[in-house]
Amino acid sequence: MSAAPESEQQFYRIKRLPPYVFAEVNAMKAAARAAGEDIIDFGMGNPDAPSPPHVVAKLVEAVQDPKTHRYSNSRGIRGLRRAIAAYYERRFGVTLDPEREAIATLGSKEGFANLAMAITSPGDVVIVPNPSYPIHAYGFIIAGGALRHVPVGPGIDFLAEIERAARYSVPAPLAVILNFPANPTAHVVDLGFYEEVVDFCRSRGIYVISDLAYAEIYFDDNPPPSILQVPGAIDIAVEFTSLSKTYSMPGWRIGFAVGNRRLIEALARVKSYLDYGAFTPVQVAAVAALNGPQDCIDETRALYRRRRDVLVESFGAAGWEIPPPDATMFAWAPIPPRFSNIGSLEFSKLLLDRAKVAVSPGVGFGEYGEGYVRIALVENRHRIRQAARNVRRFLSDTDRLVTMPKRAAQA
C-alpha cells in the first residue's frame, strides 16, 4: 500500500500549531545527559518539593477503599467543590455556589483547553498576552479560534494594549486571557487593574478567563488578588487554578475553575463527554490539601524565596544581572547584552552546551518573549550556586564567542 500524500498527512489542527520551540533545547539536553553530562535544569516549571505528608496520607487512606476505584464525577466530588468554595471565601472573601460556580479539572491546563473548545466558534477572536504560557494561546487555536496577541511585560501598559486590540478586532473579541502572577514574566497586578479590566469587558460583552495558578507563590506582603473580588466580575469571568504549585502536587493533575455559571456549565458539558473526573482518591486528597493545615504553603513560598535570592545574588556576581521576581517560581531574565544578536533560542542552546545550564528560551512563549529566557526555581541552592560558577566561566569566554560568525556560534 502506498503512503498517503504529504498534503493528506497535514491534519487541520496540527497545521495550525507551530513547531515546538522548546524541542531543540530539550533534544540537546537529552543528548547531553545520555552522554553522561551533568545538566543543571532550570527549563521546566516542575516543582521538586514533596507533596505535603498529610495529603499523601489521605490519598493512601482513600485508595484502600474499593468504592473509590470506580468512575468518579467529571465535575468533581461534592466535597472537593465545597472545599474550593471555602478556599475562595477564606482567601479572597468571594462567595461561590459549589454546585454551579465551581468545577474540578484534571489540572488547570486540561480545564483551560476544554473551556476553549466549549465556547469557541471558528474564527472567534481571543485577546491573549504575549509572551504567555502556551495553552493560553494554543488552546484556542486548537479549538478553531483566532488570536490577537498583545505584549505584556516590563514598561508595557497592558490594559491600554487590551483596549487597543479590542477596538481594532473584527469580529469583536470573544474573550480576554489574563495570567497574573504571570508565567513566564512573573509580572503581578493589583485589584485596581482587575477593576478596570472588568469595567471595560462588561461594557463590551467580552468574557475574561483568568489563570491564577501562582496565587500563593509571592514574595512580599501583598497576596495576589483574584479577579472575582471585583463586584460584578462573576457576570463575565471565570478563573482557573491548580494544586500543582501551591501544594507541590504537579503529577497529581488536579485543579479547578470557578466563576461565571454559563462558562462553568459549558466546561462541564464538554467534560461530561471526555472524562469521568480525576481518580476519586486524588480528589479526596485535594480536599485534605485545601481544608487541612496550610503551613505547607508558607514553607513552599519560603523555599522559592530562598532560591530566588540565591539565583539573583550568585548570577549577578557571575556577571548576569537577573531582576528579582515578585511572584511565581520563575525568573524572567534578559539575555546578557553581548548575546542579543543571536536571540533567546541560540543563547539557550549555547548556555546548555558551554555552561551545562538549561533554561527556556523566551521566544518559545511568543514573539514578544524574544530577548529573554525563563529560569525555573526547581534546583536547590547548592545547584543554583554551581550553575552560577558555570555561568561565570561561560561569560569569561564571551569575547571569543561574540566575535565568532553567527553560523559558527549556532554550530
Protein backbone atom coordinates (compact mmCIF):
# COMPACT_ATOMS: atom_id res chain seq x y z
CA MET A 1 0.00 0.00 0.00
CA SER A 2 1.42 3.36 -0.98
CA ALA A 3 1.94 6.08 1.60
CA ALA A 4 -0.63 8.85 1.83
CA PRO A 5 0.29 12.07 0.00
CA GLU A 6 2.10 14.61 2.16
CA SER A 7 -0.85 17.01 1.89
CA GLU A 8 -3.16 14.37 3.33
CA GLN A 9 -0.90 13.93 6.34
CA GLN A 10 -1.23 17.57 7.42
CA PHE A 11 -4.28 17.49 9.64
CA TYR A 12 -6.11 20.79 10.04
CA ARG A 13 -5.47 21.41 13.73
CA ILE A 14 -1.89 20.16 13.56
CA LYS A 15 -1.17 22.60 10.73
CA ARG A 16 -2.26 25.47 12.98
CA LEU A 17 0.30 24.56 15.66
CA PRO A 18 3.81 25.93 15.13
CA PRO A 19 6.93 23.82 15.70
CA TYR A 20 7.62 23.39 19.41
CA VAL A 21 10.48 25.81 20.07
CA PHE A 22 11.48 24.09 23.30
CA ALA A 23 12.05 20.80 21.43
CA GLU A 24 15.50 21.86 20.22
CA VAL A 25 16.75 22.63 23.72
CA ASN A 26 15.08 19.50 25.11
CA ALA A 27 16.75 17.34 22.47
CA MET A 28 20.15 18.82 23.28
CA LYS A 29 19.52 18.30 26.98
CA ALA A 30 18.58 14.65 26.48
CA ALA A 31 21.64 14.03 24.32
CA ALA A 32 23.95 15.63 26.88
CA ARG A 33 22.53 13.54 29.70
CA ALA A 34 22.80 10.39 27.59
CA ALA A 35 26.48 11.24 27.19
CA GLY A 36 26.86 11.41 30.97
CA GLU A 37 26.99 15.19 31.32
CA ASP A 38 25.65 16.86 34.46
CA ILE A 39 22.96 19.31 33.32
CA ILE A 40 21.57 21.81 35.80
CA ASP A 41 17.99 22.07 34.61
CA PHE A 42 16.03 25.31 35.07
CA GLY A 43 13.93 24.61 31.99
CA MET A 44 10.61 23.13 33.07
CA GLY A 45 8.46 24.55 35.87
CA ASN A 46 8.24 21.15 37.56
CA PRO A 47 8.18 21.52 41.37
CA ASP A 48 10.75 19.29 43.05
CA ALA A 49 9.49 19.57 46.64
CA PRO A 50 7.48 16.61 48.01
CA SER A 51 3.71 16.86 48.33
CA PRO A 52 2.52 17.54 51.92
CA PRO A 53 2.63 14.38 54.08
CA HIS A 54 -0.96 14.75 55.30
CA VAL A 55 -2.16 14.93 51.69
CA VAL A 56 -0.22 11.79 50.75
CA ALA A 57 -1.61 10.02 53.83
CA LYS A 58 -5.16 10.90 52.83
CA LEU A 59 -4.55 9.52 49.34
CA VAL A 60 -3.30 6.24 50.79
CA GLU A 61 -6.28 6.04 53.11
CA ALA A 62 -8.78 6.74 50.34
CA VAL A 63 -7.26 4.35 47.81
CA GLN A 64 -7.66 1.46 50.25
CA ASP A 65 -11.43 1.76 49.97
CA PRO A 66 -12.51 -0.25 46.89
CA LYS A 67 -15.51 2.04 46.42
CA THR A 68 -13.14 4.82 45.34
CA HIS A 69 -11.86 2.70 42.45
CA ARG A 70 -15.00 3.25 40.41
CA TYR A 71 -15.74 6.07 37.97
CA SER A 72 -15.84 9.47 39.60
CA ASN A 73 -17.75 12.64 38.70
CA SER A 74 -16.42 14.81 35.87
CA ARG A 75 -17.47 17.94 37.78
CA GLY A 76 -15.58 16.76 40.84
CA ILE A 77 -16.91 15.18 44.02
CA ARG A 78 -19.14 17.43 46.10
CA GLY A 79 -16.66 17.59 48.96
CA LEU A 80 -13.98 18.97 46.65
CA ARG A 81 -16.26 21.59 45.14
CA ARG A 82 -17.20 22.69 48.65
CA ALA A 83 -13.53 22.86 49.61
CA ILE A 84 -12.84 25.01 46.54
CA ALA A 85 -15.62 27.41 47.53
CA ALA A 86 -14.32 27.52 51.10
CA TYR A 87 -10.83 28.36 49.83
CA TYR A 88 -12.18 31.31 47.81
CA GLU A 89 -14.17 32.55 50.80
CA ARG A 90 -11.17 32.27 53.11
CA ARG A 91 -8.50 33.61 50.76
CA PHE A 92 -10.35 36.22 48.70
CA GLY A 93 -13.62 36.90 50.53
CA VAL A 94 -15.52 35.63 47.47
CA THR A 95 -18.70 33.59 47.98
CA LEU A 96 -19.32 30.87 45.41
CA ASP A 97 -22.06 28.31 44.83
CA PRO A 98 -20.15 24.99 44.81
CA GLU A 99 -22.89 23.38 42.71
CA ARG A 100 -22.96 25.90 39.87
CA GLU A 101 -19.88 28.09 40.15
CA ALA A 102 -17.07 25.58 40.78
CA ILE A 103 -15.76 22.58 38.88
CA ALA A 104 -12.77 20.28 39.36
CA THR A 105 -10.43 19.74 36.40
CA LEU A 106 -7.54 17.43 35.51
CA GLY A 107 -5.11 20.23 36.24
CA SER A 108 -5.79 23.76 35.06
CA LYS A 109 -4.23 23.05 31.64
CA GLU A 110 -6.90 20.48 30.73
CA GLY A 111 -9.66 22.71 32.02
CA PHE A 112 -8.40 25.68 30.07
CA ALA A 113 -8.21 23.73 26.81
CA ASN A 114 -11.66 22.20 27.29
CA LEU A 115 -13.23 25.57 28.06
CA ALA A 116 -11.71 26.92 24.85
CA MET A 117 -13.24 24.00 22.97
CA ALA A 118 -16.61 24.60 24.65
CA ILE A 119 -17.02 28.29 23.86
CA THR A 120 -15.07 28.93 20.64
CA SER A 121 -16.57 29.01 17.17
CA PRO A 122 -14.33 29.01 14.07
CA GLY A 123 -12.92 32.49 13.60
CA ASP A 124 -13.75 33.80 17.09
CA VAL A 125 -11.12 36.29 18.24
CA VAL A 126 -9.44 35.91 21.62
CA ILE A 127 -7.07 38.51 23.10
CA VAL A 128 -4.02 36.73 24.52
CA PRO A 129 -0.99 38.18 26.31
CA ASN A 130 2.35 37.63 24.63
CA PRO A 131 4.58 36.13 25.97
CA SER A 132 2.28 33.62 27.65
CA TYR A 133 2.01 30.05 28.83
CA PRO A 134 1.42 28.15 25.57
CA ILE A 135 -2.02 26.68 26.39
CA HIS A 136 -3.40 30.21 26.83
CA ALA A 137 -2.96 30.79 23.12
CA TYR A 138 -2.98 27.36 21.57
CA GLY A 139 -5.99 26.06 23.45
CA PHE A 140 -8.00 28.49 21.32
CA ILE A 141 -6.02 27.74 18.17
CA ILE A 142 -6.83 24.05 18.58
CA ALA A 143 -10.48 25.00 19.09
CA GLY A 144 -10.54 26.90 15.77
CA GLY A 145 -10.27 30.44 17.11
CA ALA A 146 -8.10 33.35 16.01
CA LEU A 147 -5.65 35.15 18.28
CA ARG A 148 -4.98 38.81 18.84
CA HIS A 149 -1.62 38.95 20.63
CA VAL A 150 -0.91 41.88 22.95
CA PRO A 151 2.50 42.48 24.51
CA VAL A 152 2.91 42.14 28.27
CA GLY A 153 5.97 42.79 30.37
CA PRO A 154 8.14 45.50 31.94
CA GLY A 155 7.23 49.02 30.86
CA ILE A 156 4.10 47.99 28.90
CA ASP A 157 0.63 49.38 29.64
CA PHE A 158 -1.15 46.06 29.30
CA LEU A 159 -4.63 47.49 29.83
CA ALA A 160 -4.08 50.01 27.03
CA GLU A 161 -2.92 47.15 24.81
CA ILE A 162 -6.10 45.21 25.57
CA GLU A 163 -8.29 48.21 24.77
CA ARG A 164 -6.45 48.83 21.50
CA ALA A 165 -6.73 45.19 20.47
CA ALA A 166 -10.46 45.09 21.24
CA ARG A 167 -11.09 48.30 19.33
CA TYR A 168 -9.47 47.01 16.15
CA SER A 169 -10.56 43.36 16.27
CA VAL A 170 -13.01 42.11 13.63
CA PRO A 171 -15.11 40.34 14.77
CA ALA A 172 -15.26 41.74 18.28
CA PRO A 173 -13.30 39.62 20.78
CA LEU A 174 -14.95 36.67 22.44
CA ALA A 175 -12.64 36.71 25.46
CA VAL A 176 -9.54 38.18 27.07
CA ILE A 177 -6.98 35.88 28.72
CA LEU A 178 -5.24 37.02 31.90
CA ASN A 179 -2.48 35.34 33.90
CA PHE A 180 -1.19 37.13 36.98
CA PRO A 181 1.16 36.36 38.62
CA ALA A 182 2.36 35.63 35.11
CA ASN A 183 4.10 32.70 33.57
CA PRO A 184 6.69 33.34 32.14
CA THR A 185 7.25 37.01 33.07
CA ALA A 186 6.41 36.81 36.82
CA HIS A 187 4.52 40.11 36.39
CA VAL A 188 1.93 40.92 39.07
CA VAL A 189 -1.09 43.25 39.13
CA ASP A 190 -3.26 44.76 41.83
CA LEU A 191 -7.02 44.74 42.30
CA GLY A 192 -7.30 48.12 40.59
CA PHE A 193 -6.09 46.54 37.35
CA TYR A 194 -8.81 43.90 37.54
CA GLU A 195 -11.42 46.57 38.25
CA GLU A 196 -10.52 48.37 35.04
CA VAL A 197 -10.50 45.14 33.02
CA VAL A 198 -13.91 44.12 34.35
CA ASP A 199 -15.38 47.54 33.64
CA PHE A 200 -14.02 47.51 30.09
CA CYS A 201 -15.04 43.93 29.27
CA ARG A 202 -18.50 44.13 30.83
CA SER A 203 -19.29 47.19 28.75
CA ARG A 204 -18.41 45.26 25.57
CA GLY A 205 -19.72 41.79 26.42
CA ILE A 206 -16.25 40.22 26.46
CA TYR A 207 -15.53 37.22 28.69
CA VAL A 208 -12.44 37.19 30.89
CA ILE A 209 -10.58 33.94 31.53
CA SER A 210 -8.05 34.26 34.34
CA ASP A 211 -5.26 31.82 35.21
CA LEU A 212 -4.37 32.16 38.89
CA ALA A 213 -2.03 29.17 39.20
CA TYR A 214 0.61 31.15 41.14
CA ALA A 215 -1.70 32.91 43.59
CA GLU A 216 0.17 31.55 46.62
CA ILE A 217 3.76 31.89 45.33
CA TYR A 218 4.54 35.52 46.16
CA PHE A 219 7.41 37.19 47.97
CA ASP A 220 6.13 40.41 49.53
CA ASP A 221 3.31 41.32 51.92
CA ASN A 222 0.69 41.71 49.17
CA PRO A 223 -1.02 38.44 48.26
CA PRO A 224 -2.10 38.45 44.60
CA PRO A 225 -5.83 39.18 44.21
CA SER A 226 -8.49 37.28 42.31
CA ILE A 227 -10.46 38.97 39.55
CA LEU A 228 -13.60 37.61 41.22
CA GLN A 229 -13.03 40.05 44.08
CA VAL A 230 -14.27 42.79 41.76
CA PRO A 231 -18.03 43.39 42.13
CA GLY A 232 -19.79 42.13 39.02
CA ALA A 233 -16.78 40.19 37.73
CA ILE A 234 -18.64 36.90 38.03
CA ASP A 235 -21.01 38.13 35.30
CA ILE A 236 -18.21 37.71 32.73
CA ALA A 237 -15.22 36.00 34.36
CA VAL A 238 -14.03 32.51 35.13
CA GLU A 239 -10.80 31.71 36.93
CA PHE A 240 -8.55 28.64 36.85
CA THR A 241 -6.02 27.47 39.35
CA SER A 242 -4.48 24.20 40.45
CA LEU A 243 -2.86 22.45 43.37
CA SER A 244 0.32 21.80 41.36
CA LYS A 245 2.35 24.79 42.51
CA THR A 246 0.56 25.73 45.74
CA TYR A 247 0.88 22.26 47.28
CA SER A 248 3.73 20.81 45.17
CA MET A 249 1.33 18.36 43.52
CA PRO A 250 2.11 18.67 39.77
CA GLY A 251 1.85 14.98 38.93
CA TRP A 252 -1.49 14.58 40.69
CA ARG A 253 -3.22 16.53 37.89
CA ILE A 254 -5.90 18.23 39.91
CA GLY A 255 -7.14 21.79 39.51
CA PHE A 256 -10.36 23.73 39.32
CA ALA A 257 -12.28 26.54 37.70
CA VAL A 258 -14.69 28.94 39.40
CA GLY A 259 -16.84 31.87 38.40
CA ASN A 260 -19.42 32.62 35.73
CA ARG A 261 -22.16 29.97 35.72
CA ARG A 262 -22.58 29.93 31.95
CA LEU A 263 -18.89 29.30 31.38
CA ILE A 264 -18.70 26.69 34.14
CA GLU A 265 -21.70 24.87 32.69
CA ALA A 266 -20.17 24.95 29.20
CA LEU A 267 -16.97 23.42 30.56
CA ALA A 268 -18.95 20.81 32.49
CA ARG A 269 -20.90 19.87 29.38
CA VAL A 270 -17.76 19.23 27.32
CA LYS A 271 -16.02 17.41 30.17
CA SER A 272 -19.01 15.09 30.58
CA TYR A 273 -18.21 13.70 27.13
CA LEU A 274 -14.46 13.48 27.64
CA ASP A 275 -13.72 12.22 31.14
CA TYR A 276 -15.13 10.82 34.37
CA GLY A 277 -13.15 13.18 36.54
CA ALA A 278 -9.90 12.72 38.39
CA PHE A 279 -9.35 9.47 40.31
CA THR A 280 -11.52 9.79 43.42
CA PRO A 281 -8.67 9.27 45.94
CA VAL A 282 -6.81 12.15 44.30
CA GLN A 283 -9.89 14.35 44.76
CA VAL A 284 -10.21 13.25 48.39
CA ALA A 285 -6.56 14.15 48.93
CA ALA A 286 -7.16 17.52 47.26
CA VAL A 287 -9.88 18.19 49.84
CA ALA A 288 -7.33 17.44 52.56
CA ALA A 289 -4.94 19.92 50.95
CA LEU A 290 -7.48 22.74 50.72
CA ASN A 291 -9.12 22.17 54.12
CA GLY A 292 -6.12 20.96 56.10
CA PRO A 293 -3.09 22.71 57.64
CA GLN A 294 -1.79 25.48 55.40
CA ASP A 295 1.69 25.86 56.84
CA CYS A 296 2.96 23.79 53.90
CA ILE A 297 2.15 26.77 51.65
CA ASP A 298 4.30 29.05 53.79
CA GLU A 299 7.14 26.53 53.56
CA THR A 300 6.83 26.31 49.78
CA ARG A 301 6.76 30.08 49.45
CA ALA A 302 9.87 30.38 51.67
CA LEU A 303 11.65 27.71 49.61
CA TYR A 304 11.16 29.61 46.37
CA ARG A 305 12.08 32.91 48.00
CA ARG A 306 15.40 31.48 49.21
CA ARG A 307 16.13 30.07 45.77
CA ARG A 308 15.20 33.34 44.10
CA ASP A 309 17.54 35.28 46.35
CA VAL A 310 20.44 32.89 45.75
CA LEU A 311 19.82 32.95 41.99
CA VAL A 312 19.76 36.74 41.77
CA GLU A 313 22.81 37.17 44.02
CA SER A 314 25.01 34.42 42.57
CA PHE A 315 24.19 35.02 38.91
CA GLY A 316 24.67 38.76 39.43
CA ALA A 317 28.11 38.11 40.89
CA ALA A 318 28.82 35.91 37.87
CA GLY A 319 28.04 38.80 35.53
CA TRP A 320 24.42 38.10 34.60
CA GLU A 321 22.01 40.57 36.16
CA ILE A 322 18.59 39.00 36.79
CA PRO A 323 15.66 41.12 38.06
CA PRO A 324 14.21 39.51 41.21
CA PRO A 325 10.66 38.28 40.54
CA ASP A 326 7.89 39.40 42.89
CA ALA A 327 6.00 36.13 42.50
CA THR A 328 5.86 32.71 40.78
CA MET A 329 8.59 30.07 40.68
CA PHE A 330 10.28 31.73 37.68
CA ALA A 331 12.75 34.48 36.92
CA TRP A 332 12.31 36.32 33.60
CA ALA A 333 15.89 37.12 32.70
CA PRO A 334 17.10 39.43 29.93
CA ILE A 335 19.79 37.85 27.79
CA PRO A 336 23.19 39.37 28.58
CA PRO A 337 23.60 42.25 26.09
CA ARG A 338 26.64 40.70 24.44
CA PHE A 339 24.40 37.87 23.18
CA SER A 340 21.47 39.95 21.98
CA ASN A 341 22.42 39.42 18.35
CA ILE A 342 21.83 35.65 18.44
CA GLY A 343 18.41 35.62 20.16
CA SER A 344 16.97 33.62 23.04
CA LEU A 345 16.90 30.21 21.37
CA GLU A 346 20.52 30.25 20.22
CA PHE A 347 21.60 31.71 23.57
CA SER A 348 19.78 28.90 25.41
CA LYS A 349 21.49 26.30 23.25
CA LEU A 350 24.88 27.96 23.76
CA LEU A 351 24.33 28.14 27.54
CA LEU A 352 23.45 24.45 27.61
CA ASP A 353 26.44 23.47 25.51
CA ARG A 354 29.07 25.63 27.23
CA ALA A 355 27.76 26.04 30.80
CA LYS A 356 25.65 22.87 31.16
CA VAL A 357 22.74 25.02 32.31
CA ALA A 358 19.28 24.55 30.77
CA VAL A 359 16.76 27.41 30.55
CA SER A 360 13.66 28.06 28.44
CA PRO A 361 14.09 30.48 25.50
CA GLY A 362 11.72 33.40 25.79
CA VAL A 363 10.68 33.22 22.14
CA GLY A 364 9.03 29.88 22.93
CA PHE A 365 6.38 31.82 24.84
CA GLY A 366 5.68 34.20 21.97
CA GLU A 367 7.43 36.71 19.75
CA TYR A 368 7.46 39.38 22.48
CA GLY A 369 9.43 36.99 24.65
CA GLU A 370 12.47 37.37 22.42
CA GLY A 371 15.45 38.73 24.27
CA TYR A 372 14.62 36.85 27.50
CA VAL A 373 14.91 33.39 28.98
CA ARG A 374 12.79 31.84 31.72
CA ILE A 375 14.61 30.31 34.67
CA ALA A 376 12.56 27.93 36.83
CA LEU A 377 13.48 27.73 40.52
CA VAL A 378 13.45 23.94 40.56
CA GLU A 379 17.05 23.26 41.59
CA ASN A 380 18.27 23.55 45.18
CA ARG A 381 20.52 26.39 46.34
CA HIS A 382 23.70 24.32 46.04
CA ARG A 383 22.89 23.55 42.42
CA ILE A 384 21.99 27.19 41.73
CA ARG A 385 25.42 28.28 43.02
CA GLN A 386 27.04 25.56 40.92
CA ALA A 387 25.17 26.90 37.89
CA ALA A 388 26.39 30.41 38.68
CA ARG A 389 30.00 29.18 38.70
CA ASN A 390 29.43 27.55 35.33
CA VAL A 391 27.89 30.77 34.02
CA ARG A 392 30.83 32.80 35.28
CA ARG A 393 33.26 30.58 33.34
CA PHE A 394 31.00 30.72 30.30
CA LEU A 395 30.80 34.52 30.36
CA SER A 396 34.55 34.86 30.84
CA ASP A 397 34.95 33.32 27.40
CA THR A 398 32.44 35.60 25.68
CA ASP A 399 34.99 37.80 23.96
CA ARG A 400 35.84 34.88 21.74
CA LEU A 401 32.26 33.71 21.40
CA VAL A 402 30.72 37.01 20.38
CA THR A 403 33.35 37.60 17.72
CA MET A 404 32.53 34.26 16.08
CA PRO A 405 30.35 34.41 12.98
CA LYS A 406 26.74 33.68 13.84
CA ARG A 407 26.79 30.46 11.83
CA ALA A 408 29.76 29.16 13.81
CA ALA A 409 28.13 30.11 17.13
CA GLN A 410 24.99 28.21 16.14
CA ALA A 411 27.06 25.18 15.21
